[in-house]
Amino acid sequence: MFHYDFVPRGVCSRAIHLDLSDDGRTIEGVSFEGGCDGNLKAVGKLVEGRPVADVVELLAGNTCGMRRTSCADQMTIALCEAQRELAHARG
């Protein structure tokens, strides 16, 4: 399992914690610090076990109110960054 911590920008949550499969293709767990607690717990449950690519395709660009981003959108950025970091670590 690969763990990645991300500091989101422009949203209420203060941190996003990701756990990906060893190959980085599958989401094993997601948790948020701050933000809309019930909604973000639900997001974590809904994406667990799903392919990163599918979740990014579905949630990238999602907005929250007048903001140009959302916690879900920031999570997709975190997922992509985590995959890049994992690929870089593997060489």
N, C-alpha and C. Protein backbone atom coordinates (compact mmCIF):
# COMPACT_ATOMS: atom_id res chain seq x y z
N MET A 1 0.84 -1.17 0.00
CA MET A 1 0.00 0.00 0.00
C MET A 1 0.89 1.24 0.00
N PHE A 2 0.45 2.26 -0.72
CA PHE A 2 1.17 3.53 -0.81
C PHE A 2 0.31 4.60 -0.16
N HIS A 3 0.87 5.31 0.82
CA HIS A 3 0.15 6.38 1.53
C HIS A 3 0.61 7.74 1.03
N TYR A 4 -0.33 8.66 0.86
CA TYR A 4 -0.01 10.01 0.38
C TYR A 4 -0.88 11.01 1.13
N ASP A 5 -0.26 12.07 1.64
CA ASP A 5 -0.97 13.16 2.30
C ASP A 5 -0.93 14.39 1.40
N PHE A 6 -2.06 15.09 1.32
CA PHE A 6 -2.21 16.23 0.41
C PHE A 6 -2.87 17.39 1.15
N VAL A 7 -2.38 18.60 0.92
CA VAL A 7 -2.99 19.80 1.48
C VAL A 7 -3.79 20.47 0.36
N PRO A 8 -5.12 20.42 0.47
CA PRO A 8 -5.97 21.00 -0.57
C PRO A 8 -5.97 22.52 -0.52
N ARG A 9 -6.34 23.13 -1.64
CA ARG A 9 -6.40 24.60 -1.74
C ARG A 9 -7.80 25.03 -2.17
N GLY A 10 -8.29 26.10 -1.54
CA GLY A 10 -9.55 26.68 -1.96
C GLY A 10 -10.79 25.97 -1.47
N VAL A 11 -10.64 25.09 -0.47
CA VAL A 11 -11.78 24.34 0.06
C VAL A 11 -11.72 24.35 1.59
N CYS A 12 -12.75 23.84 2.20
CA CYS A 12 -12.84 23.82 3.67
C CYS A 12 -11.96 22.75 4.31
N SER A 13 -11.77 21.62 3.65
CA SER A 13 -10.95 20.57 4.26
C SER A 13 -9.49 21.04 4.33
N ARG A 14 -8.80 20.57 5.37
CA ARG A 14 -7.42 20.99 5.61
C ARG A 14 -6.39 19.97 5.12
N ALA A 15 -6.83 18.72 4.96
CA ALA A 15 -5.91 17.67 4.52
C ALA A 15 -6.71 16.52 3.92
N ILE A 16 -6.08 15.84 2.96
CA ILE A 16 -6.65 14.64 2.37
C ILE A 16 -5.59 13.55 2.49
N HIS A 17 -5.99 12.41 3.05
CA HIS A 17 -5.09 11.28 3.23
C HIS A 17 -5.54 10.15 2.30
N LEU A 18 -4.61 9.69 1.47
CA LEU A 18 -4.92 8.66 0.49
C LEU A 18 -4.11 7.40 0.74
N ASP A 19 -4.74 6.27 0.52
CA ASP A 19 -4.04 4.99 0.48
C ASP A 19 -4.37 4.36 -0.86
N LEU A 20 -3.32 4.07 -1.62
CA LEU A 20 -3.47 3.44 -2.94
C LEU A 20 -2.85 2.05 -2.90
N SER A 21 -3.28 1.22 -3.83
CA SER A 21 -2.67 -0.10 -3.99
C SER A 21 -1.20 0.08 -4.34
N ASP A 22 -0.43 -0.98 -4.19
CA ASP A 22 1.01 -0.91 -4.47
C ASP A 22 1.32 -0.41 -5.87
N ASP A 23 0.46 -0.73 -6.83
CA ASP A 23 0.70 -0.27 -8.21
C ASP A 23 0.10 1.12 -8.46
N GLY A 24 -0.60 1.68 -7.47
CA GLY A 24 -1.15 3.03 -7.58
C GLY A 24 -2.41 3.15 -8.41
N ARG A 25 -2.97 2.04 -8.82
CA ARG A 25 -4.14 2.09 -9.71
C ARG A 25 -5.48 2.06 -8.99
N THR A 26 -5.49 1.59 -7.74
CA THR A 26 -6.75 1.40 -7.02
C THR A 26 -6.72 2.17 -5.70
N ILE A 27 -7.83 2.80 -5.37
CA ILE A 27 -7.96 3.53 -4.12
C ILE A 27 -8.31 2.53 -3.02
N GLU A 28 -7.48 2.47 -2.00
CA GLU A 28 -7.75 1.58 -0.87
C GLU A 28 -8.40 2.33 0.28
N GLY A 29 -8.22 3.64 0.35
CA GLY A 29 -8.83 4.43 1.41
C GLY A 29 -8.62 5.91 1.19
N VAL A 30 -9.57 6.71 1.65
CA VAL A 30 -9.48 8.17 1.58
C VAL A 30 -10.09 8.71 2.86
N SER A 31 -9.41 9.68 3.48
CA SER A 31 -10.00 10.40 4.60
C SER A 31 -9.66 11.87 4.48
N PHE A 32 -10.55 12.69 4.99
CA PHE A 32 -10.41 14.13 4.95
C PHE A 32 -10.34 14.68 6.37
N GLU A 33 -9.57 15.75 6.56
CA GLU A 33 -9.59 16.50 7.81
C GLU A 33 -10.32 17.81 7.51
N GLY A 34 -11.33 18.10 8.32
CA GLY A 34 -12.11 19.31 8.10
C GLY A 34 -13.11 19.11 6.98
N GLY A 35 -13.80 20.17 6.62
CA GLY A 35 -14.80 20.10 5.57
C GLY A 35 -16.12 19.55 6.08
N CYS A 36 -16.98 19.17 5.18
CA CYS A 36 -18.32 18.66 5.51
C CYS A 36 -18.20 17.19 5.90
N ASP A 37 -18.14 16.94 7.18
CA ASP A 37 -17.78 15.63 7.71
C ASP A 37 -18.57 14.47 7.10
N GLY A 38 -19.89 14.55 7.15
CA GLY A 38 -20.70 13.44 6.64
C GLY A 38 -20.53 13.23 5.15
N ASN A 39 -20.53 14.31 4.39
CA ASN A 39 -20.37 14.19 2.94
C ASN A 39 -19.01 13.63 2.57
N LEU A 40 -17.97 14.07 3.26
CA LEU A 40 -16.63 13.61 2.91
C LEU A 40 -16.38 12.18 3.37
N LYS A 41 -17.00 11.75 4.46
CA LYS A 41 -16.93 10.33 4.83
C LYS A 41 -17.60 9.50 3.74
N ALA A 42 -18.72 9.99 3.22
CA ALA A 42 -19.43 9.27 2.16
C ALA A 42 -18.58 9.19 0.90
N VAL A 43 -17.93 10.29 0.53
CA VAL A 43 -17.05 10.28 -0.64
C VAL A 43 -15.98 9.21 -0.46
N GLY A 44 -15.37 9.16 0.71
CA GLY A 44 -14.34 8.15 0.97
C GLY A 44 -14.86 6.74 0.80
N LYS A 45 -16.06 6.47 1.29
CA LYS A 45 -16.65 5.14 1.15
C LYS A 45 -17.00 4.82 -0.30
N LEU A 46 -17.47 5.82 -1.02
CA LEU A 46 -17.88 5.59 -2.41
C LEU A 46 -16.70 5.30 -3.34
N VAL A 47 -15.54 5.89 -3.06
CA VAL A 47 -14.40 5.71 -3.96
C VAL A 47 -13.51 4.53 -3.56
N GLU A 48 -13.63 4.05 -2.35
CA GLU A 48 -12.79 2.94 -1.88
C GLU A 48 -12.99 1.71 -2.76
N GLY A 49 -11.87 1.14 -3.21
CA GLY A 49 -11.89 -0.05 -4.06
C GLY A 49 -12.05 0.25 -5.54
N ARG A 50 -12.17 1.49 -5.89
CA ARG A 50 -12.38 1.87 -7.30
C ARG A 50 -11.05 2.28 -7.95
N PRO A 51 -10.98 2.13 -9.26
CA PRO A 51 -9.78 2.57 -9.98
C PRO A 51 -9.61 4.09 -9.91
N VAL A 52 -8.39 4.52 -9.70
CA VAL A 52 -8.07 5.95 -9.65
C VAL A 52 -8.56 6.64 -10.91
N ALA A 53 -8.29 6.06 -12.06
CA ALA A 53 -8.66 6.69 -13.34
C ALA A 53 -10.16 6.95 -13.43
N ASP A 54 -10.97 6.01 -12.96
CA ASP A 54 -12.42 6.18 -13.01
C ASP A 54 -12.89 7.30 -12.10
N VAL A 55 -12.32 7.37 -10.90
CA VAL A 55 -12.71 8.41 -9.94
C VAL A 55 -12.28 9.79 -10.44
N VAL A 56 -11.09 9.88 -11.00
CA VAL A 56 -10.62 11.16 -11.53
C VAL A 56 -11.52 11.61 -12.68
N GLU A 57 -11.85 10.71 -13.56
CA GLU A 57 -12.72 11.05 -14.69
C GLU A 57 -14.09 11.54 -14.21
N LEU A 58 -14.61 10.92 -13.19
CA LEU A 58 -15.94 11.25 -12.68
C LEU A 58 -15.98 12.55 -11.88
N LEU A 59 -14.97 12.81 -11.05
CA LEU A 59 -15.05 13.91 -10.09
C LEU A 59 -14.19 15.13 -10.40
N ALA A 60 -13.25 15.02 -11.33
CA ALA A 60 -12.40 16.18 -11.65
C ALA A 60 -13.26 17.32 -12.18
N GLY A 61 -13.00 18.50 -11.66
CA GLY A 61 -13.73 19.69 -12.11
C GLY A 61 -15.01 19.96 -11.33
N ASN A 62 -15.37 19.07 -10.39
CA ASN A 62 -16.54 19.29 -9.56
C ASN A 62 -16.34 20.56 -8.73
N THR A 63 -17.37 21.40 -8.63
CA THR A 63 -17.25 22.64 -7.87
C THR A 63 -18.13 22.61 -6.63
N CYS A 64 -17.91 23.57 -5.74
CA CYS A 64 -18.67 23.70 -4.49
C CYS A 64 -19.13 25.15 -4.37
N GLY A 65 -20.42 25.37 -4.50
CA GLY A 65 -20.93 26.74 -4.41
C GLY A 65 -20.29 27.63 -5.46
N MET A 66 -19.80 28.76 -5.02
CA MET A 66 -19.17 29.73 -5.93
C MET A 66 -17.69 29.42 -6.18
N ARG A 67 -17.16 28.42 -5.49
CA ARG A 67 -15.75 28.07 -5.65
C ARG A 67 -15.53 27.38 -7.00
N ARG A 68 -14.33 27.50 -7.51
CA ARG A 68 -13.97 26.84 -8.77
C ARG A 68 -13.50 25.41 -8.56
N THR A 69 -13.52 24.96 -7.32
CA THR A 69 -13.06 23.62 -6.97
C THR A 69 -13.96 23.09 -5.85
N SER A 70 -13.68 21.90 -5.41
CA SER A 70 -14.40 21.28 -4.30
C SER A 70 -13.46 20.29 -3.63
N CYS A 71 -13.87 19.75 -2.51
CA CYS A 71 -13.04 18.73 -1.86
C CYS A 71 -12.87 17.51 -2.77
N ALA A 72 -13.93 17.14 -3.48
CA ALA A 72 -13.84 16.00 -4.41
C ALA A 72 -12.87 16.31 -5.55
N ASP A 73 -12.93 17.52 -6.08
CA ASP A 73 -12.01 17.94 -7.14
C ASP A 73 -10.57 17.94 -6.62
N GLN A 74 -10.37 18.46 -5.42
CA GLN A 74 -9.03 18.47 -4.82
C GLN A 74 -8.52 17.04 -4.60
N MET A 75 -9.43 16.13 -4.25
CA MET A 75 -9.05 14.74 -4.08
C MET A 75 -8.51 14.17 -5.41
N THR A 76 -9.13 14.56 -6.54
CA THR A 76 -8.64 14.06 -7.83
C THR A 76 -7.24 14.59 -8.12
N ILE A 77 -6.97 15.82 -7.73
CA ILE A 77 -5.62 16.37 -7.88
C ILE A 77 -4.65 15.59 -7.02
N ALA A 78 -5.07 15.29 -5.79
CA ALA A 78 -4.23 14.51 -4.88
C ALA A 78 -3.96 13.11 -5.45
N LEU A 79 -4.98 12.49 -6.01
CA LEU A 79 -4.80 11.16 -6.60
C LEU A 79 -3.78 11.17 -7.73
N CYS A 80 -3.86 12.17 -8.59
CA CYS A 80 -2.90 12.27 -9.70
C CYS A 80 -1.49 12.53 -9.19
N GLU A 81 -1.36 13.41 -8.19
CA GLU A 81 -0.05 13.68 -7.61
C GLU A 81 0.52 12.43 -6.95
N ALA A 82 -0.32 11.69 -6.25
CA ALA A 82 0.13 10.46 -5.59
C ALA A 82 0.64 9.46 -6.62
N GLN A 83 -0.08 9.31 -7.72
CA GLN A 83 0.37 8.40 -8.77
C GLN A 83 1.71 8.84 -9.35
N ARG A 84 1.89 10.15 -9.57
CA ARG A 84 3.17 10.65 -10.09
C ARG A 84 4.30 10.38 -9.10
N GLU A 85 4.04 10.63 -7.81
CA GLU A 85 5.07 10.40 -6.82
C GLU A 85 5.46 8.93 -6.73
N LEU A 86 4.47 8.06 -6.79
CA LEU A 86 4.73 6.62 -6.74
C LEU A 86 5.54 6.18 -7.97
N ALA A 87 5.18 6.68 -9.13
CA ALA A 87 5.92 6.34 -10.35
C ALA A 87 7.35 6.85 -10.28
N HIS A 88 7.54 8.05 -9.73
CA HIS A 88 8.88 8.62 -9.59
C HIS A 88 9.72 7.79 -8.60
N ALA A 89 9.09 7.37 -7.52
CA ALA A 89 9.80 6.58 -6.50
C ALA A 89 10.25 5.23 -7.06
N ARG A 90 9.49 4.72 -8.00
CA ARG A 90 9.84 3.42 -8.60
C ARG A 90 10.92 3.54 -9.67
N GLY A 91 11.12 4.80 -10.12
CA GLY A 91 12.17 5.04 -11.10
C GLY A 91 11.71 4.85 -12.45
